[in-house]
Amino acid sequence: MATALRVAKRLRLAAGAPSLAFTRSAFVAKRRNYDRPNWFGVGLAFSTSAALWVLLFKQHNEDVMEYERRKEERQRKCTGCS
C-alpha cells in the first residue's frame, strides 16, 4: 500500500498541477456582455440591500424602546425602595 502511494505521489509530481490559465470554470460558459447589464441581478442586489437596512432600523427602534422601558422600570423601583 505504501508503495502504491509513493508511486502515485511521484506521478502527481511529474505531471505537475494544472495551470489555472488552461482550466475552464463550470460556472462561466460564455463571455460577459457588458453592453447589456443583468437588470434582474442589479434589482435583486439593491432590493436585498434596502430590505436589510429596513430590518436594521426596525430592530434598532425596537431595541431603543425596550431600553427606555427598562430604564423607566428601574427608576420606579429605586424611588419606591427609599
N, C-alpha and C. Protein backbone atom coordinates (compact mmCIF):
# COMPACT_ATOMS: atom_id res chain seq x y z
N MET A 1 0.83 -1.19 0.00
CA MET A 1 0.00 0.00 0.00
C MET A 1 0.87 1.25 0.00
N ALA A 2 1.91 1.25 0.83
CA ALA A 2 2.79 2.41 0.89
C ALA A 2 3.50 2.62 -0.44
N THR A 3 3.80 1.50 -1.12
CA THR A 3 4.45 1.60 -2.43
C THR A 3 3.53 2.26 -3.44
N ALA A 4 2.26 1.90 -3.40
CA ALA A 4 1.31 2.50 -4.34
C ALA A 4 1.16 3.99 -4.08
N LEU A 5 1.19 4.39 -2.82
CA LEU A 5 1.09 5.82 -2.51
C LEU A 5 2.31 6.58 -3.00
N ARG A 6 3.49 5.97 -2.85
CA ARG A 6 4.71 6.62 -3.33
C ARG A 6 4.69 6.77 -4.84
N VAL A 7 4.22 5.75 -5.53
CA VAL A 7 4.16 5.81 -6.99
C VAL A 7 3.17 6.89 -7.42
N ALA A 8 2.02 6.94 -6.76
CA ALA A 8 1.02 7.95 -7.10
C ALA A 8 1.55 9.36 -6.85
N LYS A 9 2.31 9.51 -5.75
CA LYS A 9 2.88 10.82 -5.43
C LYS A 9 3.91 11.23 -6.48
N ARG A 10 4.71 10.29 -6.93
CA ARG A 10 5.71 10.59 -7.96
C ARG A 10 5.05 10.98 -9.26
N LEU A 11 4.01 10.25 -9.63
CA LEU A 11 3.31 10.57 -10.88
C LEU A 11 2.67 11.96 -10.81
N ARG A 12 2.12 12.28 -9.66
CA ARG A 12 1.50 13.60 -9.50
C ARG A 12 2.55 14.70 -9.59
N LEU A 13 3.70 14.49 -8.97
CA LEU A 13 4.76 15.50 -9.02
C LEU A 13 5.31 15.64 -10.43
N ALA A 14 5.41 14.54 -11.16
CA ALA A 14 5.93 14.59 -12.52
C ALA A 14 4.95 15.31 -13.44
N ALA A 15 3.65 15.09 -13.22
CA ALA A 15 2.66 15.71 -14.09
C ALA A 15 2.52 17.20 -13.78
N GLY A 16 2.70 17.57 -12.53
CA GLY A 16 2.55 18.97 -12.14
C GLY A 16 1.08 19.33 -11.98
N ALA A 17 0.83 20.40 -11.30
CA ALA A 17 -0.54 20.87 -11.07
C ALA A 17 -1.05 21.53 -12.34
N PRO A 18 -2.32 21.37 -12.64
CA PRO A 18 -2.85 22.03 -13.84
C PRO A 18 -2.82 23.55 -13.67
N SER A 19 -2.46 24.22 -14.73
CA SER A 19 -2.40 25.68 -14.70
C SER A 19 -3.81 26.25 -14.75
N LEU A 20 -4.05 27.29 -13.98
CA LEU A 20 -5.38 27.89 -13.95
C LEU A 20 -5.72 28.57 -15.28
N ALA A 21 -4.71 28.91 -16.06
CA ALA A 21 -4.97 29.57 -17.34
C ALA A 21 -5.64 28.63 -18.33
N PHE A 22 -5.43 27.35 -18.17
CA PHE A 22 -5.98 26.40 -19.12
C PHE A 22 -7.21 25.66 -18.60
N THR A 23 -7.64 25.96 -17.41
CA THR A 23 -8.84 25.32 -16.89
C THR A 23 -10.04 26.19 -17.18
N ARG A 24 -11.19 25.57 -17.30
CA ARG A 24 -12.42 26.30 -17.58
C ARG A 24 -13.39 26.10 -16.43
N SER A 25 -13.92 27.18 -15.94
CA SER A 25 -14.85 27.10 -14.84
C SER A 25 -16.18 26.56 -15.32
N ALA A 26 -16.83 25.76 -14.49
CA ALA A 26 -18.14 25.21 -14.84
C ALA A 26 -19.22 26.27 -14.78
N PHE A 27 -18.96 27.37 -14.09
CA PHE A 27 -19.96 28.40 -13.89
C PHE A 27 -19.93 29.49 -14.96
N VAL A 28 -18.85 29.60 -15.69
CA VAL A 28 -18.74 30.61 -16.74
C VAL A 28 -18.67 29.89 -18.07
N ALA A 29 -19.79 29.89 -18.77
CA ALA A 29 -19.83 29.17 -20.04
C ALA A 29 -19.70 30.11 -21.23
N LYS A 30 -19.90 31.42 -21.01
CA LYS A 30 -19.79 32.37 -22.12
C LYS A 30 -19.19 33.67 -21.60
N ARG A 31 -18.77 34.49 -22.51
CA ARG A 31 -18.19 35.77 -22.14
C ARG A 31 -19.28 36.71 -21.65
N ARG A 32 -18.93 37.57 -20.72
CA ARG A 32 -19.90 38.55 -20.23
C ARG A 32 -20.06 39.65 -21.26
N ASN A 33 -21.30 40.07 -21.42
CA ASN A 33 -21.60 41.17 -22.31
C ASN A 33 -21.92 42.39 -21.45
N TYR A 34 -20.99 43.33 -21.39
CA TYR A 34 -21.17 44.49 -20.54
C TYR A 34 -22.05 45.56 -21.18
N ASP A 35 -22.41 45.37 -22.45
CA ASP A 35 -23.32 46.32 -23.09
C ASP A 35 -24.75 46.14 -22.61
N ARG A 36 -25.09 44.94 -22.17
CA ARG A 36 -26.44 44.64 -21.68
C ARG A 36 -26.34 44.13 -20.25
N PRO A 37 -26.49 45.02 -19.26
CA PRO A 37 -26.36 44.58 -17.87
C PRO A 37 -27.50 43.66 -17.46
N ASN A 38 -27.27 42.87 -16.46
CA ASN A 38 -28.27 41.96 -15.92
C ASN A 38 -29.13 42.75 -14.94
N TRP A 39 -30.22 43.34 -15.41
CA TRP A 39 -31.03 44.21 -14.59
C TRP A 39 -31.74 43.46 -13.47
N PHE A 40 -32.04 42.20 -13.70
CA PHE A 40 -32.65 41.39 -12.64
C PHE A 40 -31.69 41.26 -11.47
N GLY A 41 -30.45 40.96 -11.76
CA GLY A 41 -29.44 40.84 -10.70
C GLY A 41 -29.19 42.15 -9.99
N VAL A 42 -29.16 43.25 -10.76
CA VAL A 42 -28.95 44.57 -10.16
C VAL A 42 -30.11 44.90 -9.23
N GLY A 43 -31.34 44.68 -9.70
CA GLY A 43 -32.52 44.95 -8.88
C GLY A 43 -32.56 44.08 -7.64
N LEU A 44 -32.19 42.82 -7.79
CA LEU A 44 -32.18 41.90 -6.65
C LEU A 44 -31.15 42.35 -5.61
N ALA A 45 -29.99 42.79 -6.05
CA ALA A 45 -28.95 43.24 -5.12
C ALA A 45 -29.41 44.49 -4.37
N PHE A 46 -29.95 45.47 -5.10
CA PHE A 46 -30.38 46.70 -4.43
C PHE A 46 -31.58 46.48 -3.52
N SER A 47 -32.52 45.65 -3.95
CA SER A 47 -33.70 45.42 -3.10
C SER A 47 -33.32 44.64 -1.84
N THR A 48 -32.38 43.71 -1.96
CA THR A 48 -31.91 42.98 -0.79
C THR A 48 -31.23 43.92 0.19
N SER A 49 -30.41 44.82 -0.35
CA SER A 49 -29.73 45.78 0.50
C SER A 49 -30.74 46.69 1.20
N ALA A 50 -31.74 47.17 0.48
CA ALA A 50 -32.76 48.04 1.07
C ALA A 50 -33.54 47.29 2.15
N ALA A 51 -33.89 46.04 1.89
CA ALA A 51 -34.64 45.26 2.87
C ALA A 51 -33.81 45.05 4.14
N LEU A 52 -32.54 44.80 4.00
CA LEU A 52 -31.69 44.63 5.18
C LEU A 52 -31.57 45.92 5.98
N TRP A 53 -31.49 47.07 5.29
CA TRP A 53 -31.45 48.35 6.01
C TRP A 53 -32.75 48.59 6.76
N VAL A 54 -33.89 48.28 6.14
CA VAL A 54 -35.18 48.45 6.80
C VAL A 54 -35.25 47.59 8.06
N LEU A 55 -34.83 46.34 7.94
CA LEU A 55 -34.83 45.46 9.11
C LEU A 55 -33.89 45.96 10.20
N LEU A 56 -32.75 46.52 9.80
CA LEU A 56 -31.80 47.06 10.76
C LEU A 56 -32.40 48.22 11.54
N PHE A 57 -33.05 49.17 10.83
CA PHE A 57 -33.67 50.31 11.50
C PHE A 57 -34.82 49.87 12.39
N LYS A 58 -35.61 48.93 11.92
CA LYS A 58 -36.73 48.43 12.72
C LYS A 58 -36.23 47.79 14.01
N GLN A 59 -35.22 46.96 13.91
CA GLN A 59 -34.66 46.31 15.10
C GLN A 59 -34.06 47.34 16.04
N HIS A 60 -33.40 48.35 15.49
CA HIS A 60 -32.81 49.40 16.32
C HIS A 60 -33.90 50.14 17.09
N ASN A 61 -34.99 50.49 16.43
CA ASN A 61 -36.08 51.19 17.10
C ASN A 61 -36.70 50.33 18.20
N GLU A 62 -36.86 49.06 17.95
CA GLU A 62 -37.39 48.16 18.98
C GLU A 62 -36.44 48.06 20.16
N ASP A 63 -35.14 48.01 19.89
CA ASP A 63 -34.16 47.95 20.97
C ASP A 63 -34.17 49.22 21.81
N VAL A 64 -34.30 50.39 21.16
CA VAL A 64 -34.35 51.66 21.89
C VAL A 64 -35.60 51.71 22.76
N MET A 65 -36.74 51.28 22.22
CA MET A 65 -37.98 51.28 23.01
C MET A 65 -37.86 50.36 24.22
N GLU A 66 -37.25 49.18 24.04
CA GLU A 66 -37.06 48.25 25.16
C GLU A 66 -36.11 48.84 26.20
N TYR A 67 -35.07 49.52 25.74
CA TYR A 67 -34.13 50.17 26.65
C TYR A 67 -34.84 51.24 27.49
N GLU A 68 -35.64 52.06 26.83
CA GLU A 68 -36.37 53.11 27.55
C GLU A 68 -37.35 52.51 28.55
N ARG A 69 -38.05 51.44 28.17
CA ARG A 69 -39.00 50.80 29.07
C ARG A 69 -38.30 50.26 30.31
N ARG A 70 -37.18 49.58 30.12
CA ARG A 70 -36.45 49.02 31.26
C ARG A 70 -35.85 50.12 32.13
N LYS A 71 -35.44 51.22 31.50
CA LYS A 71 -34.86 52.33 32.25
C LYS A 71 -35.92 52.95 33.17
N GLU A 72 -37.13 53.16 32.62
CA GLU A 72 -38.21 53.71 33.44
C GLU A 72 -38.60 52.74 34.56
N GLU A 73 -38.62 51.45 34.26
CA GLU A 73 -38.96 50.44 35.26
C GLU A 73 -37.93 50.44 36.39
N ARG A 74 -36.68 50.58 36.05
CA ARG A 74 -35.61 50.61 37.04
C ARG A 74 -35.73 51.85 37.92
N GLN A 75 -36.05 52.99 37.32
CA GLN A 75 -36.18 54.23 38.09
C GLN A 75 -37.36 54.14 39.06
N ARG A 76 -38.48 53.55 38.62
CA ARG A 76 -39.64 53.40 39.50
C ARG A 76 -39.32 52.52 40.70
N LYS A 77 -38.59 51.45 40.45
CA LYS A 77 -38.22 50.53 41.52
C LYS A 77 -37.33 51.21 42.55
N CYS A 78 -36.35 51.95 42.09
CA CYS A 78 -35.40 52.57 43.00
C CYS A 78 -36.03 53.67 43.84
N THR A 79 -36.92 54.47 43.29
CA THR A 79 -37.56 55.53 44.05
C THR A 79 -38.55 54.97 45.04
N GLY A 80 -39.18 53.83 44.76
CA GLY A 80 -40.12 53.23 45.67
C GLY A 80 -39.45 52.57 46.87
N CYS A 81 -38.19 52.19 46.72
CA CYS A 81 -37.48 51.50 47.81
C CYS A 81 -37.08 52.47 48.90
N SER A 82 -36.71 53.70 48.60
CA SER A 82 -36.18 54.60 49.61
C SER A 82 -37.19 55.52 50.18
